[in-house]
């Protein structure tokens, strides 16, 4: 997920929190509107591509490709793992925020 996408997501979550608390959100928007679903989909596709690239590198190493060394394989595996963990943590935060919003009494 890009830094701009994260910042925009945080801004939207803060706006929803302010609305749930009954506060006005009259802050001007400086960035063009981006759909949350599109950002989420792009992020999932990016995580998937990192994992696919890692798996491809692993297969090439296992088949004895001379151009692939073990360091590259290990780095790609760590990148894939880190991106998946980051996505999982973001999902957990989103679910937590959703639950908090749904439990807010109006």
N, C-alpha and C. Protein backbone atom coordinates (compact mmCIF):
# COMPACT_ATOMS: atom_id res chain seq x y z
N UNK A 1 0.86 -1.16 0.00
CA UNK A 1 0.00 0.00 0.00
C UNK A 1 0.90 1.22 0.00
N UNK A 2 0.59 2.17 -0.85
CA UNK A 2 1.42 3.36 -0.95
C UNK A 2 1.15 4.31 0.22
N UNK A 3 2.09 5.21 0.44
CA UNK A 3 1.96 6.17 1.54
C UNK A 3 0.75 7.07 1.32
N UNK A 4 0.50 7.46 0.08
CA UNK A 4 -0.65 8.31 -0.21
C UNK A 4 -1.94 7.56 0.10
N UNK A 5 -2.00 6.28 -0.27
CA UNK A 5 -3.19 5.48 0.02
C UNK A 5 -3.43 5.32 1.51
N UNK A 6 -2.36 5.12 2.26
CA UNK A 6 -2.47 4.98 3.71
C UNK A 6 -2.95 6.28 4.33
N UNK A 7 -2.36 7.40 3.90
CA UNK A 7 -2.76 8.69 4.44
C UNK A 7 -4.22 9.00 4.14
N UNK A 8 -4.64 8.67 2.94
CA UNK A 8 -6.03 8.92 2.57
C UNK A 8 -6.96 8.03 3.38
N UNK A 9 -6.57 6.77 3.56
CA UNK A 9 -7.38 5.84 4.35
C UNK A 9 -7.50 6.32 5.79
N UNK A 10 -6.40 6.78 6.37
CA UNK A 10 -6.44 7.32 7.73
C UNK A 10 -7.33 8.55 7.81
N UNK A 11 -7.28 9.40 6.81
CA UNK A 11 -8.13 10.58 6.78
C UNK A 11 -9.60 10.21 6.74
N UNK A 12 -9.93 9.22 5.92
CA UNK A 12 -11.33 8.77 5.83
C UNK A 12 -11.79 8.16 7.16
N UNK A 13 -10.89 7.38 7.79
CA UNK A 13 -11.26 6.76 9.07
C UNK A 13 -11.47 7.83 10.14
N UNK A 14 -10.62 8.86 10.15
CA UNK A 14 -10.79 9.95 11.12
C UNK A 14 -12.09 10.70 10.87
N UNK A 15 -12.43 10.90 9.60
CA UNK A 15 -13.68 11.58 9.28
C UNK A 15 -14.88 10.76 9.74
N UNK A 16 -14.82 9.44 9.53
CA UNK A 16 -15.90 8.57 9.99
C UNK A 16 -16.00 8.59 11.51
N UNK A 17 -14.86 8.61 12.18
CA UNK A 17 -14.85 8.66 13.64
C UNK A 17 -15.46 9.96 14.13
N UNK A 18 -15.13 11.06 13.47
CA UNK A 18 -15.68 12.36 13.86
C UNK A 18 -17.19 12.38 13.62
N UNK A 19 -17.64 11.82 12.50
CA UNK A 19 -19.08 11.77 12.25
C UNK A 19 -19.79 10.91 13.29
N UNK A 20 -19.17 9.79 13.66
CA UNK A 20 -19.77 8.91 14.66
C UNK A 20 -19.84 9.60 16.02
N UNK A 21 -18.88 10.47 16.30
CA UNK A 21 -18.87 11.18 17.57
C UNK A 21 -19.75 12.42 17.53
N UNK A 22 -20.34 12.73 16.37
CA UNK A 22 -21.23 13.88 16.25
C UNK A 22 -20.53 15.17 15.94
N UNK A 23 -19.27 15.10 15.55
CA UNK A 23 -18.52 16.32 15.24
C UNK A 23 -18.63 16.61 13.75
N UNK A 24 -18.49 17.86 13.40
CA UNK A 24 -18.52 18.27 12.00
C UNK A 24 -17.15 18.05 11.38
N UNK A 25 -17.14 17.62 10.14
CA UNK A 25 -15.87 17.45 9.41
C UNK A 25 -15.87 18.40 8.24
N UNK A 26 -15.53 19.63 8.50
CA UNK A 26 -15.52 20.65 7.46
C UNK A 26 -14.12 20.88 6.91
N UNK A 27 -13.23 19.92 7.09
CA UNK A 27 -11.87 20.07 6.59
C UNK A 27 -11.86 19.93 5.08
N UNK A 28 -11.17 20.83 4.38
CA UNK A 28 -11.13 20.75 2.92
C UNK A 28 -10.31 19.55 2.47
N UNK A 29 -10.78 18.93 1.41
CA UNK A 29 -10.05 17.79 0.86
C UNK A 29 -9.06 18.30 -0.17
N UNK A 30 -7.80 17.93 -0.02
CA UNK A 30 -6.79 18.40 -0.96
C UNK A 30 -6.51 17.37 -2.04
N UNK A 31 -6.72 16.10 -1.75
CA UNK A 31 -6.45 15.05 -2.72
C UNK A 31 -7.74 14.70 -3.46
N UNK A 32 -7.62 14.25 -4.71
CA UNK A 32 -8.81 13.83 -5.42
C UNK A 32 -9.41 12.59 -4.76
N UNK A 33 -10.71 12.45 -4.88
CA UNK A 33 -11.40 11.33 -4.24
C UNK A 33 -11.00 10.01 -4.89
N UNK A 34 -10.66 9.06 -4.06
CA UNK A 34 -10.31 7.73 -4.51
C UNK A 34 -11.20 6.76 -3.75
N UNK A 35 -11.76 5.83 -4.47
CA UNK A 35 -12.64 4.85 -3.84
C UNK A 35 -11.85 3.93 -2.94
N UNK A 36 -12.40 3.66 -1.76
CA UNK A 36 -11.74 2.78 -0.80
C UNK A 36 -11.57 1.38 -1.39
N UNK A 37 -12.57 0.89 -2.07
CA UNK A 37 -12.51 -0.44 -2.67
C UNK A 37 -11.39 -0.55 -3.70
N UNK A 38 -11.17 0.52 -4.46
CA UNK A 38 -10.10 0.51 -5.46
C UNK A 38 -8.73 0.45 -4.80
N UNK A 39 -8.57 1.20 -3.71
CA UNK A 39 -7.29 1.19 -2.98
C UNK A 39 -7.04 -0.20 -2.39
N UNK A 40 -8.07 -0.77 -1.80
CA UNK A 40 -7.95 -2.10 -1.20
C UNK A 40 -7.63 -3.15 -2.26
N UNK A 41 -8.30 -3.08 -3.39
CA UNK A 41 -8.06 -4.03 -4.47
C UNK A 41 -6.63 -3.91 -5.00
N UNK A 42 -6.17 -2.70 -5.20
CA UNK A 42 -4.80 -2.49 -5.69
C UNK A 42 -3.77 -3.01 -4.70
N UNK A 43 -4.04 -2.82 -3.42
CA UNK A 43 -3.13 -3.31 -2.40
C UNK A 43 -3.08 -4.83 -2.39
N UNK A 44 -4.23 -5.46 -2.48
CA UNK A 44 -4.28 -6.93 -2.52
C UNK A 44 -3.56 -7.47 -3.75
N UNK A 45 -3.75 -6.81 -4.88
CA UNK A 45 -3.06 -7.23 -6.11
C UNK A 45 -1.55 -7.08 -5.98
N UNK A 46 -1.12 -6.02 -5.31
CA UNK A 46 0.32 -5.80 -5.12
C UNK A 46 0.91 -6.88 -4.22
N UNK A 47 0.23 -7.23 -3.13
CA UNK A 47 0.69 -8.28 -2.24
C UNK A 47 0.74 -9.61 -2.99
N UNK A 48 -0.28 -9.87 -3.79
CA UNK A 48 -0.31 -11.10 -4.56
C UNK A 48 0.84 -11.18 -5.55
N UNK A 49 1.15 -10.08 -6.22
CA UNK A 49 2.24 -10.09 -7.20
C UNK A 49 3.59 -10.31 -6.53
N UNK A 50 3.78 -9.75 -5.32
CA UNK A 50 5.03 -9.96 -4.59
C UNK A 50 5.16 -11.44 -4.21
N UNK A 51 4.05 -12.05 -3.77
CA UNK A 51 4.09 -13.46 -3.41
C UNK A 51 4.32 -14.35 -4.63
N UNK A 52 3.70 -14.01 -5.75
CA UNK A 52 3.90 -14.79 -6.98
C UNK A 52 5.35 -14.70 -7.45
N UNK A 53 5.92 -13.51 -7.38
CA UNK A 53 7.32 -13.34 -7.79
C UNK A 53 8.25 -14.14 -6.88
N UNK A 54 7.95 -14.18 -5.61
CA UNK A 54 8.75 -14.95 -4.67
C UNK A 54 8.66 -16.44 -4.97
N UNK A 55 7.47 -16.92 -5.23
CA UNK A 55 7.29 -18.33 -5.55
C UNK A 55 8.00 -18.69 -6.85
N UNK A 56 7.95 -17.78 -7.82
CA UNK A 56 8.63 -18.03 -9.10
C UNK A 56 10.14 -18.12 -8.89
N UNK A 57 10.68 -17.23 -8.08
CA UNK A 57 12.12 -17.25 -7.80
C UNK A 57 12.51 -18.53 -7.06
N UNK A 58 11.67 -18.97 -6.13
CA UNK A 58 11.93 -20.21 -5.40
C UNK A 58 11.97 -21.40 -6.35
N UNK A 59 11.01 -21.47 -7.25
CA UNK A 59 10.96 -22.59 -8.21
C UNK A 59 12.18 -22.59 -9.11
N UNK A 60 12.56 -21.39 -9.58
CA UNK A 60 13.74 -21.31 -10.44
C UNK A 60 14.99 -21.77 -9.69
N UNK A 61 15.11 -21.41 -8.41
CA UNK A 61 16.27 -21.84 -7.62
C UNK A 61 16.25 -23.35 -7.42
N UNK A 62 15.07 -23.91 -7.12
CA UNK A 62 14.95 -25.35 -6.91
C UNK A 62 15.26 -26.15 -8.17
N UNK A 63 14.97 -25.57 -9.33
CA UNK A 63 15.24 -26.25 -10.58
C UNK A 63 16.69 -26.09 -11.04
N UNK A 64 17.47 -25.33 -10.28
CA UNK A 64 18.89 -25.20 -10.57
C UNK A 64 19.26 -24.09 -11.52
N UNK A 65 18.45 -23.07 -11.62
CA UNK A 65 18.75 -21.93 -12.47
C UNK A 65 20.00 -21.24 -11.92
N UNK A 66 21.02 -21.10 -12.74
CA UNK A 66 22.29 -20.53 -12.32
C UNK A 66 22.21 -19.02 -12.05
N UNK A 67 21.23 -18.34 -12.62
CA UNK A 67 21.14 -16.89 -12.45
C UNK A 67 20.47 -16.50 -11.13
N UNK A 68 19.95 -17.48 -10.38
CA UNK A 68 19.27 -17.19 -9.12
C UNK A 68 20.13 -17.71 -7.98
N UNK A 69 20.43 -16.84 -7.02
CA UNK A 69 21.19 -17.28 -5.86
C UNK A 69 20.29 -17.33 -4.63
N UNK A 70 20.76 -17.98 -3.59
CA UNK A 70 19.95 -18.20 -2.40
C UNK A 70 19.62 -16.88 -1.68
N UNK A 71 20.50 -15.90 -1.77
CA UNK A 71 20.23 -14.61 -1.11
C UNK A 71 19.01 -13.93 -1.73
N UNK A 72 18.92 -13.96 -3.06
CA UNK A 72 17.78 -13.35 -3.72
C UNK A 72 16.47 -14.05 -3.34
N UNK A 73 16.54 -15.37 -3.23
CA UNK A 73 15.36 -16.14 -2.85
C UNK A 73 14.93 -15.78 -1.44
N UNK A 74 15.86 -15.71 -0.52
CA UNK A 74 15.53 -15.39 0.87
C UNK A 74 14.98 -13.97 1.01
N UNK A 75 15.55 -13.03 0.30
CA UNK A 75 15.07 -11.64 0.35
C UNK A 75 13.65 -11.56 -0.21
N UNK A 76 13.40 -12.25 -1.32
CA UNK A 76 12.06 -12.20 -1.90
C UNK A 76 11.04 -12.87 -0.98
N UNK A 77 11.44 -13.93 -0.30
CA UNK A 77 10.54 -14.59 0.65
C UNK A 77 10.21 -13.66 1.82
N UNK A 78 11.21 -12.93 2.30
CA UNK A 78 10.98 -12.00 3.40
C UNK A 78 10.09 -10.83 2.97
N UNK A 79 10.29 -10.34 1.74
CA UNK A 79 9.43 -9.27 1.23
C UNK A 79 7.98 -9.74 1.14
N UNK A 80 7.78 -10.95 0.64
CA UNK A 80 6.43 -11.50 0.53
C UNK A 80 5.80 -11.67 1.90
N UNK A 81 6.58 -12.17 2.85
CA UNK A 81 6.06 -12.36 4.20
C UNK A 81 5.71 -11.03 4.85
N UNK A 82 6.57 -10.06 4.71
CA UNK A 82 6.34 -8.74 5.31
C UNK A 82 5.13 -8.05 4.70
N UNK A 83 4.98 -8.15 3.39
CA UNK A 83 3.82 -7.51 2.75
C UNK A 83 2.52 -8.19 3.19
N UNK A 84 2.55 -9.51 3.35
CA UNK A 84 1.35 -10.22 3.80
C UNK A 84 1.03 -9.86 5.25
N UNK A 85 2.04 -9.78 6.10
CA UNK A 85 1.81 -9.40 7.50
C UNK A 85 1.27 -7.98 7.61
N UNK A 86 1.79 -7.08 6.79
CA UNK A 86 1.31 -5.69 6.79
C UNK A 86 -0.14 -5.63 6.37
N UNK A 87 -0.48 -6.39 5.32
CA UNK A 87 -1.86 -6.42 4.86
C UNK A 87 -2.78 -6.99 5.94
N UNK A 88 -2.33 -8.02 6.63
CA UNK A 88 -3.13 -8.63 7.68
C UNK A 88 -3.36 -7.64 8.83
N UNK A 89 -2.32 -6.91 9.21
CA UNK A 89 -2.47 -5.93 10.28
C UNK A 89 -3.41 -4.79 9.87
N UNK A 90 -3.33 -4.36 8.62
CA UNK A 90 -4.23 -3.33 8.13
C UNK A 90 -5.67 -3.83 8.15
N UNK A 91 -5.86 -5.07 7.75
CA UNK A 91 -7.20 -5.66 7.80
C UNK A 91 -7.73 -5.70 9.23
N UNK A 92 -6.87 -6.10 10.17
CA UNK A 92 -7.28 -6.15 11.57
C UNK A 92 -7.69 -4.77 12.08
N UNK A 93 -6.94 -3.75 11.69
CA UNK A 93 -7.27 -2.38 12.11
C UNK A 93 -8.60 -1.93 11.50
N UNK A 94 -8.82 -2.28 10.24
CA UNK A 94 -10.07 -1.91 9.58
C UNK A 94 -11.26 -2.60 10.23
N UNK A 95 -11.12 -3.87 10.55
CA UNK A 95 -12.20 -4.60 11.21
C UNK A 95 -12.47 -3.99 12.58
N UNK A 96 -11.41 -3.65 13.30
CA UNK A 96 -11.57 -3.02 14.61
C UNK A 96 -12.28 -1.68 14.50
N UNK A 97 -11.90 -0.87 13.51
CA UNK A 97 -12.54 0.42 13.32
C UNK A 97 -14.01 0.25 12.93
N UNK A 98 -14.30 -0.72 12.09
CA UNK A 98 -15.68 -0.99 11.68
C UNK A 98 -16.52 -1.40 12.90
N UNK A 99 -15.95 -2.27 13.72
CA UNK A 99 -16.69 -2.72 14.90
C UNK A 99 -16.93 -1.55 15.87
N UNK A 100 -15.95 -0.68 16.01
CA UNK A 100 -16.10 0.47 16.87
C UNK A 100 -17.18 1.40 16.36
N UNK A 101 -17.21 1.61 15.05
CA UNK A 101 -18.23 2.48 14.46
C UNK A 101 -19.61 1.85 14.63
N UNK A 102 -19.70 0.56 14.41
CA UNK A 102 -21.00 -0.11 14.54
C UNK A 102 -21.50 -0.14 15.99
N UNK A 103 -20.60 -0.12 16.95
CA UNK A 103 -20.99 -0.13 18.36
C UNK A 103 -21.26 1.28 18.91
N UNK A 104 -21.00 2.29 18.12
CA UNK A 104 -21.24 3.66 18.56
C UNK A 104 -22.74 3.93 18.59
N UNK A 105 -23.21 4.43 19.70
CA UNK A 105 -24.63 4.75 19.83
C UNK A 105 -24.90 6.13 19.28
N UNK A 106 -25.97 6.24 18.53
CA UNK A 106 -26.32 7.51 17.90
C UNK A 106 -27.35 8.23 18.72
